[in-house]
Amino acid sequence: MNGRKVLERFPAGGPRGSWPAEEFAQARRLEGLAAEVVMDLATDTFLVVVPGGAVGE
């Protein structure tokens, strides 16, 4: 996946008005990580990803 690491996965069908993947990514950005949310169409999940090497390397 282009040298990115997946931090967390969230199902696409969350409660109306709830954005858990975006909230998780925002919390990671506040910690200094370049987190972003992408959609994995094959599994119908939102992934919170960071550039490879950004976590624990």
Protein backbone atom coordinates (compact mmCIF):
# COMPACT_ATOMS: atom_id res chain seq x y z
CA MET A 1 0.00 0.00 0.00
CA ASN A 2 2.58 2.57 -1.12
CA GLY A 3 4.81 2.29 1.95
CA ARG A 4 2.07 3.23 4.42
CA LYS A 5 1.24 1.53 7.71
CA VAL A 6 -2.29 0.83 8.87
CA LEU A 7 -2.86 1.98 12.44
CA GLU A 8 -6.51 1.00 12.75
CA ARG A 9 -9.48 -0.31 10.75
CA PHE A 10 -13.09 0.84 11.09
CA PRO A 11 -16.20 -0.66 9.46
CA ALA A 12 -17.80 1.62 6.88
CA GLY A 13 -21.29 1.21 8.34
CA GLY A 14 -21.03 3.29 11.49
CA PRO A 15 -23.89 5.05 13.27
CA ARG A 16 -25.31 8.09 11.50
CA GLY A 17 -23.32 11.21 12.39
CA SER A 18 -20.42 9.18 13.79
CA TRP A 19 -16.98 9.35 12.19
CA PRO A 20 -14.76 7.08 14.33
CA ALA A 21 -11.98 6.77 11.73
CA GLU A 22 -11.76 10.55 11.33
CA GLU A 23 -11.79 11.06 15.10
CA PHE A 24 -9.03 8.46 15.57
CA ALA A 25 -6.93 10.05 12.80
CA GLN A 26 -7.39 13.52 14.30
CA ALA A 27 -6.21 12.27 17.68
CA ARG A 28 -3.09 10.80 16.03
CA ARG A 29 -2.45 14.10 14.20
CA LEU A 30 -2.59 15.90 17.55
CA GLU A 31 0.15 13.48 18.68
CA GLY A 32 2.29 14.56 15.72
CA LEU A 33 1.62 11.71 13.29
CA ALA A 34 0.68 12.36 9.66
CA ALA A 35 -2.43 10.17 9.91
CA GLU A 36 -5.04 10.08 7.18
CA VAL A 37 -8.17 8.09 6.45
CA VAL A 38 -8.50 6.03 3.28
CA MET A 39 -11.25 3.70 2.11
CA ASP A 40 -10.49 0.05 1.37
CA LEU A 41 -13.21 -0.80 -1.12
CA ALA A 42 -12.33 -4.51 -1.18
CA THR A 43 -13.15 -4.92 2.52
CA ASP A 44 -15.59 -1.98 2.92
CA THR A 45 -13.54 -0.49 5.76
CA PHE A 46 -11.93 2.84 6.53
CA LEU A 47 -8.21 2.61 7.29
CA VAL A 48 -6.22 5.10 9.32
CA VAL A 49 -2.78 5.11 7.76
CA VAL A 50 0.56 6.87 8.27
CA PRO A 51 3.61 7.00 6.01
CA GLY A 52 5.82 3.91 6.44
CA GLY A 53 8.42 4.45 9.14
CA ALA A 54 6.28 6.98 11.01
CA VAL A 55 5.43 4.49 13.77
CA GLY A 56 8.05 2.59 15.71
CA GLU A 57 10.76 2.50 13.06
